[in-house]
Amino acid sequence: MNNPLPEPFAHLTPYRSWALSTEDARMRRRISASMSEITDYYQTLLPEIDPIAKHLDKWPLAELPAEQKPLLYLAMMFMETAMCVEFFFDPDVPEALGAEHIELYAGRSEQLVNS
């Protein structure tokens, strides 16, 4: 675990392994997790998302300090798990080809944050 979470969010440290820097890594983590794990993650982060967004809003995306990035990645993973919990009830998109057949490429926002 490289960077710890910023102090106001240190209590989320047990979920630090979900803070992955690329969309591809987050997708693969999500589809390899059980619905129980995903639901636990989602329910834990749900009340934290507004405070996290307000905290991260202090910086432009391209200027986000390294020590804040794991928090952003936790929030991004939350957004990806939300669909699983709220709509799909499954780690992957039901009745679709399957995420393991998808290769994701970094978009502009991912390039800004991870440069």
N, C-alpha and C. Protein backbone atom coordinates (compact mmCIF):
# COMPACT_ATOMS: atom_id res chain seq x y z
N MET A 1 0.86 -1.17 0.00
CA MET A 1 0.00 0.00 0.00
C MET A 1 0.90 1.22 0.00
N ASN A 2 0.92 1.93 -1.12
CA ASN A 2 1.81 3.08 -1.24
C ASN A 2 1.36 4.24 -0.37
N ASN A 3 0.46 5.05 -0.85
CA ASN A 3 0.03 6.22 -0.12
C ASN A 3 -1.11 5.88 0.83
N PRO A 4 -1.00 6.32 2.09
CA PRO A 4 -2.14 6.15 2.99
C PRO A 4 -3.26 7.12 2.60
N LEU A 5 -4.43 6.90 3.13
CA LEU A 5 -5.55 7.81 2.86
C LEU A 5 -5.37 9.09 3.66
N PRO A 6 -5.86 10.21 3.15
CA PRO A 6 -5.77 11.47 3.91
C PRO A 6 -6.48 11.32 5.25
N GLU A 7 -6.00 12.02 6.25
CA GLU A 7 -6.46 11.88 7.63
C GLU A 7 -7.97 11.91 7.82
N PRO A 8 -8.72 12.80 7.21
CA PRO A 8 -10.16 12.76 7.48
C PRO A 8 -10.83 11.46 7.03
N PHE A 9 -10.12 10.67 6.23
CA PHE A 9 -10.70 9.45 5.68
C PHE A 9 -9.88 8.20 6.03
N ALA A 10 -9.02 8.32 7.01
CA ALA A 10 -8.16 7.20 7.41
C ALA A 10 -8.97 5.98 7.85
N HIS A 11 -10.19 6.21 8.34
CA HIS A 11 -11.03 5.09 8.77
C HIS A 11 -11.43 4.18 7.60
N LEU A 12 -11.21 4.63 6.37
CA LEU A 12 -11.51 3.81 5.19
C LEU A 12 -10.33 2.95 4.76
N THR A 13 -9.27 2.97 5.53
CA THR A 13 -8.06 2.21 5.20
C THR A 13 -8.31 0.73 4.92
N PRO A 14 -9.24 0.07 5.62
CA PRO A 14 -9.49 -1.34 5.27
C PRO A 14 -9.92 -1.55 3.82
N TYR A 15 -10.35 -0.48 3.15
CA TYR A 15 -10.78 -0.58 1.75
C TYR A 15 -9.74 -0.05 0.78
N ARG A 16 -8.56 0.23 1.27
CA ARG A 16 -7.49 0.81 0.46
C ARG A 16 -7.15 -0.05 -0.75
N SER A 17 -7.32 -1.36 -0.64
CA SER A 17 -7.00 -2.24 -1.78
C SER A 17 -7.96 -2.03 -2.96
N TRP A 18 -9.07 -1.36 -2.72
CA TRP A 18 -10.01 -1.05 -3.80
C TRP A 18 -9.61 0.23 -4.54
N ALA A 19 -8.64 0.96 -4.05
CA ALA A 19 -8.22 2.24 -4.64
C ALA A 19 -7.23 1.98 -5.76
N LEU A 20 -7.75 1.63 -6.90
CA LEU A 20 -6.91 1.28 -8.05
C LEU A 20 -6.91 2.42 -9.06
N SER A 21 -5.75 2.66 -9.64
CA SER A 21 -5.55 3.88 -10.43
C SER A 21 -6.07 3.84 -11.86
N THR A 22 -6.43 2.68 -12.37
CA THR A 22 -6.92 2.64 -13.75
C THR A 22 -8.31 2.01 -13.80
N GLU A 23 -9.06 2.42 -14.80
CA GLU A 23 -10.41 1.87 -14.98
C GLU A 23 -10.34 0.36 -15.22
N ASP A 24 -9.34 -0.07 -15.98
CA ASP A 24 -9.18 -1.49 -16.25
C ASP A 24 -8.94 -2.27 -14.95
N ALA A 25 -8.06 -1.78 -14.10
CA ALA A 25 -7.79 -2.47 -12.83
C ALA A 25 -9.03 -2.49 -11.94
N ARG A 26 -9.78 -1.38 -11.91
CA ARG A 26 -11.00 -1.34 -11.11
C ARG A 26 -12.03 -2.33 -11.64
N MET A 27 -12.18 -2.40 -12.96
CA MET A 27 -13.13 -3.34 -13.54
C MET A 27 -12.75 -4.77 -13.18
N ARG A 28 -11.49 -5.10 -13.31
CA ARG A 28 -11.06 -6.48 -13.02
C ARG A 28 -11.22 -6.81 -11.54
N ARG A 29 -10.97 -5.85 -10.66
CA ARG A 29 -11.18 -6.05 -9.22
C ARG A 29 -12.67 -6.28 -8.93
N ARG A 30 -13.51 -5.48 -9.59
CA ARG A 30 -14.95 -5.59 -9.38
C ARG A 30 -15.48 -6.93 -9.84
N ILE A 31 -15.10 -7.38 -11.02
CA ILE A 31 -15.66 -8.65 -11.51
C ILE A 31 -15.08 -9.86 -10.79
N SER A 32 -13.97 -9.69 -10.10
CA SER A 32 -13.41 -10.81 -9.34
C SER A 32 -13.93 -10.86 -7.90
N ALA A 33 -14.66 -9.82 -7.50
CA ALA A 33 -15.19 -9.76 -6.13
C ALA A 33 -16.57 -10.41 -6.07
N SER A 34 -16.93 -10.85 -4.89
CA SER A 34 -18.29 -11.38 -4.69
C SER A 34 -19.25 -10.22 -4.51
N MET A 35 -20.53 -10.47 -4.71
CA MET A 35 -21.53 -9.43 -4.49
C MET A 35 -21.53 -8.99 -3.04
N SER A 36 -21.24 -9.88 -2.14
CA SER A 36 -21.15 -9.52 -0.72
C SER A 36 -20.05 -8.50 -0.49
N GLU A 37 -18.88 -8.72 -1.09
CA GLU A 37 -17.77 -7.77 -0.95
C GLU A 37 -18.12 -6.42 -1.59
N ILE A 38 -18.72 -6.48 -2.76
CA ILE A 38 -19.08 -5.26 -3.48
C ILE A 38 -20.12 -4.47 -2.69
N THR A 39 -21.11 -5.16 -2.17
CA THR A 39 -22.16 -4.49 -1.39
C THR A 39 -21.60 -3.87 -0.13
N ASP A 40 -20.70 -4.57 0.54
CA ASP A 40 -20.05 -4.03 1.73
C ASP A 40 -19.28 -2.75 1.38
N TYR A 41 -18.51 -2.81 0.31
CA TYR A 41 -17.76 -1.63 -0.14
C TYR A 41 -18.71 -0.47 -0.43
N TYR A 42 -19.71 -0.73 -1.22
CA TYR A 42 -20.68 0.29 -1.61
C TYR A 42 -21.35 0.91 -0.38
N GLN A 43 -21.83 0.10 0.52
CA GLN A 43 -22.53 0.61 1.70
C GLN A 43 -21.60 1.40 2.62
N THR A 44 -20.35 1.00 2.69
CA THR A 44 -19.38 1.74 3.51
C THR A 44 -19.07 3.10 2.89
N LEU A 45 -18.90 3.14 1.58
CA LEU A 45 -18.53 4.39 0.92
C LEU A 45 -19.71 5.33 0.68
N LEU A 46 -20.92 4.81 0.63
CA LEU A 46 -22.08 5.64 0.30
C LEU A 46 -22.17 6.92 1.15
N PRO A 47 -22.09 6.85 2.48
CA PRO A 47 -22.18 8.09 3.25
C PRO A 47 -20.91 8.95 3.18
N GLU A 48 -19.85 8.42 2.61
CA GLU A 48 -18.57 9.13 2.53
C GLU A 48 -18.39 9.90 1.22
N ILE A 49 -19.21 9.61 0.22
CA ILE A 49 -18.97 10.15 -1.12
C ILE A 49 -19.08 11.67 -1.15
N ASP A 50 -20.10 12.24 -0.54
CA ASP A 50 -20.20 13.71 -0.54
C ASP A 50 -19.02 14.36 0.18
N PRO A 51 -18.64 13.90 1.38
CA PRO A 51 -17.45 14.48 2.02
C PRO A 51 -16.17 14.28 1.19
N ILE A 52 -16.05 13.13 0.54
CA ILE A 52 -14.88 12.89 -0.30
C ILE A 52 -14.87 13.88 -1.47
N ALA A 53 -16.01 14.06 -2.12
CA ALA A 53 -16.10 14.97 -3.26
C ALA A 53 -15.76 16.40 -2.82
N LYS A 54 -16.29 16.82 -1.70
CA LYS A 54 -15.98 18.18 -1.20
C LYS A 54 -14.50 18.32 -0.88
N HIS A 55 -13.93 17.28 -0.30
CA HIS A 55 -12.49 17.31 0.03
C HIS A 55 -11.64 17.41 -1.24
N LEU A 56 -11.94 16.59 -2.24
CA LEU A 56 -11.14 16.56 -3.47
C LEU A 56 -11.37 17.77 -4.36
N ASP A 57 -12.49 18.44 -4.16
CA ASP A 57 -12.81 19.60 -4.97
C ASP A 57 -11.88 20.79 -4.72
N LYS A 58 -10.99 20.66 -3.78
CA LYS A 58 -10.02 21.72 -3.47
C LYS A 58 -8.96 21.85 -4.56
N TRP A 59 -8.82 20.83 -5.40
CA TRP A 59 -7.76 20.81 -6.41
C TRP A 59 -8.33 20.54 -7.79
N PRO A 60 -7.76 21.18 -8.83
CA PRO A 60 -8.09 20.76 -10.20
C PRO A 60 -7.57 19.32 -10.40
N LEU A 61 -8.25 18.56 -11.21
CA LEU A 61 -7.89 17.16 -11.40
C LEU A 61 -6.42 16.97 -11.76
N ALA A 62 -5.92 17.79 -12.66
CA ALA A 62 -4.53 17.65 -13.11
C ALA A 62 -3.51 18.04 -12.03
N GLU A 63 -3.98 18.70 -10.97
CA GLU A 63 -3.07 19.14 -9.91
C GLU A 63 -3.30 18.40 -8.59
N LEU A 64 -4.05 17.33 -8.64
CA LEU A 64 -4.35 16.57 -7.43
C LEU A 64 -3.06 16.03 -6.82
N PRO A 65 -2.77 16.36 -5.56
CA PRO A 65 -1.54 15.86 -4.92
C PRO A 65 -1.56 14.33 -4.81
N ALA A 66 -0.40 13.73 -4.89
CA ALA A 66 -0.28 12.27 -4.84
C ALA A 66 -0.95 11.67 -3.62
N GLU A 67 -0.87 12.36 -2.47
CA GLU A 67 -1.45 11.80 -1.25
C GLU A 67 -2.98 11.80 -1.28
N GLN A 68 -3.58 12.52 -2.24
CA GLN A 68 -5.05 12.55 -2.37
C GLN A 68 -5.56 11.54 -3.39
N LYS A 69 -4.69 11.05 -4.24
CA LYS A 69 -5.12 10.18 -5.33
C LYS A 69 -5.79 8.88 -4.86
N PRO A 70 -5.30 8.21 -3.82
CA PRO A 70 -6.01 7.00 -3.39
C PRO A 70 -7.47 7.28 -3.02
N LEU A 71 -7.73 8.44 -2.47
CA LEU A 71 -9.10 8.80 -2.12
C LEU A 71 -9.95 8.96 -3.39
N LEU A 72 -9.39 9.59 -4.41
CA LEU A 72 -10.08 9.71 -5.69
C LEU A 72 -10.36 8.32 -6.26
N TYR A 73 -9.38 7.44 -6.20
CA TYR A 73 -9.56 6.09 -6.74
C TYR A 73 -10.64 5.32 -5.97
N LEU A 74 -10.73 5.53 -4.65
CA LEU A 74 -11.81 4.91 -3.88
C LEU A 74 -13.17 5.40 -4.38
N ALA A 75 -13.27 6.70 -4.62
CA ALA A 75 -14.52 7.27 -5.11
C ALA A 75 -14.86 6.75 -6.51
N MET A 76 -13.86 6.62 -7.35
CA MET A 76 -14.10 6.10 -8.69
C MET A 76 -14.57 4.65 -8.63
N MET A 77 -13.97 3.87 -7.74
CA MET A 77 -14.42 2.49 -7.58
C MET A 77 -15.84 2.44 -7.04
N PHE A 78 -16.17 3.37 -6.15
CA PHE A 78 -17.54 3.44 -5.65
C PHE A 78 -18.53 3.60 -6.81
N MET A 79 -18.20 4.51 -7.74
CA MET A 79 -19.09 4.74 -8.88
C MET A 79 -19.25 3.47 -9.72
N GLU A 80 -18.20 2.70 -9.83
CA GLU A 80 -18.29 1.47 -10.61
C GLU A 80 -19.07 0.39 -9.87
N THR A 81 -18.98 0.35 -8.55
CA THR A 81 -19.74 -0.65 -7.80
C THR A 81 -21.20 -0.26 -7.65
N ALA A 82 -21.50 1.03 -7.76
CA ALA A 82 -22.89 1.48 -7.60
C ALA A 82 -23.82 0.79 -8.60
N MET A 83 -23.40 0.69 -9.83
CA MET A 83 -24.24 0.02 -10.84
C MET A 83 -24.49 -1.44 -10.47
N CYS A 84 -23.47 -2.09 -9.93
CA CYS A 84 -23.61 -3.50 -9.55
C CYS A 84 -24.65 -3.67 -8.45
N VAL A 85 -24.61 -2.79 -7.47
CA VAL A 85 -25.49 -2.89 -6.31
C VAL A 85 -26.89 -2.38 -6.62
N GLU A 86 -26.99 -1.26 -7.33
CA GLU A 86 -28.28 -0.62 -7.54
C GLU A 86 -29.08 -1.18 -8.71
N PHE A 87 -28.40 -1.71 -9.74
CA PHE A 87 -29.11 -2.14 -10.93
C PHE A 87 -28.86 -3.58 -11.35
N PHE A 88 -27.61 -4.01 -11.38
CA PHE A 88 -27.27 -5.31 -11.93
C PHE A 88 -27.45 -6.46 -10.94
N PHE A 89 -27.20 -6.17 -9.65
CA PHE A 89 -27.20 -7.20 -8.60
C PHE A 89 -26.22 -8.31 -8.93
N ASP A 90 -25.14 -7.91 -9.56
CA ASP A 90 -24.11 -8.84 -10.03
C ASP A 90 -22.83 -8.04 -10.22
N PRO A 91 -21.66 -8.66 -10.04
CA PRO A 91 -20.41 -7.94 -10.26
C PRO A 91 -20.19 -7.49 -11.71
N ASP A 92 -20.82 -8.18 -12.65
CA ASP A 92 -20.66 -7.86 -14.07
C ASP A 92 -22.04 -7.52 -14.64
N VAL A 93 -22.07 -7.05 -15.86
CA VAL A 93 -23.33 -6.71 -16.51
C VAL A 93 -24.02 -8.01 -16.92
N PRO A 94 -25.20 -8.29 -16.35
CA PRO A 94 -25.89 -9.54 -16.69
C PRO A 94 -26.24 -9.60 -18.18
N GLU A 95 -26.21 -10.80 -18.70
CA GLU A 95 -26.59 -11.09 -20.09
C GLU A 95 -25.75 -10.32 -21.11
N ALA A 96 -24.54 -9.96 -20.71
CA ALA A 96 -23.60 -9.30 -21.63
C ALA A 96 -22.44 -10.25 -21.88
N LEU A 97 -21.61 -9.90 -22.81
CA LEU A 97 -20.47 -10.74 -23.16
C LEU A 97 -19.57 -11.02 -21.97
N GLY A 98 -19.41 -10.08 -21.09
CA GLY A 98 -18.56 -10.26 -19.91
C GLY A 98 -17.36 -9.35 -19.96
N ALA A 99 -17.07 -8.74 -18.83
CA ALA A 99 -15.99 -7.76 -18.76
C ALA A 99 -14.63 -8.37 -19.04
N GLU A 100 -14.48 -9.66 -18.81
CA GLU A 100 -13.16 -10.26 -19.07
C GLU A 100 -12.80 -10.24 -20.55
N HIS A 101 -13.77 -9.93 -21.41
CA HIS A 101 -13.53 -9.83 -22.85
C HIS A 101 -13.24 -8.40 -23.30
N ILE A 102 -13.20 -7.48 -22.36
CA ILE A 102 -13.02 -6.07 -22.67
C ILE A 102 -11.60 -5.63 -22.33
N GLU A 103 -11.02 -4.85 -23.19
CA GLU A 103 -9.73 -4.23 -22.90
C GLU A 103 -9.97 -2.73 -22.85
N LEU A 104 -9.72 -2.13 -21.70
CA LEU A 104 -9.95 -0.70 -21.51
C LEU A 104 -8.65 0.07 -21.71
N TYR A 105 -8.79 1.24 -22.30
CA TYR A 105 -7.64 2.11 -22.51
C TYR A 105 -7.84 3.39 -21.69
N ALA A 106 -6.76 3.95 -21.24
CA ALA A 106 -6.83 5.15 -20.40
C ALA A 106 -7.43 6.31 -21.18
N GLY A 107 -8.38 6.98 -20.54
CA GLY A 107 -8.98 8.18 -21.11
C GLY A 107 -8.21 9.41 -20.64
N ARG A 108 -8.66 10.56 -21.07
CA ARG A 108 -7.96 11.81 -20.76
C ARG A 108 -7.90 12.08 -19.25
N SER A 109 -8.99 11.87 -18.54
CA SER A 109 -8.98 12.14 -17.09
C SER A 109 -8.02 11.20 -16.38
N GLU A 110 -7.99 9.95 -16.81
CA GLU A 110 -7.06 8.99 -16.20
C GLU A 110 -5.62 9.39 -16.48
N GLN A 111 -5.34 9.89 -17.67
CA GLN A 111 -4.00 10.35 -18.00
C GLN A 111 -3.62 11.56 -17.16
N LEU A 112 -4.55 12.47 -16.92
CA LEU A 112 -4.27 13.65 -16.10
C LEU A 112 -3.94 13.27 -14.67
N VAL A 113 -4.72 12.37 -14.10
CA VAL A 113 -4.54 11.99 -12.70
C VAL A 113 -3.29 11.15 -12.50
N ASN A 114 -3.00 10.29 -13.44
CA ASN A 114 -1.91 9.34 -13.24
C ASN A 114 -0.59 9.78 -13.84
N SER A 115 -0.50 11.01 -14.30
CA SER A 115 0.78 11.46 -14.88
C SER A 115 1.67 12.03 -13.80
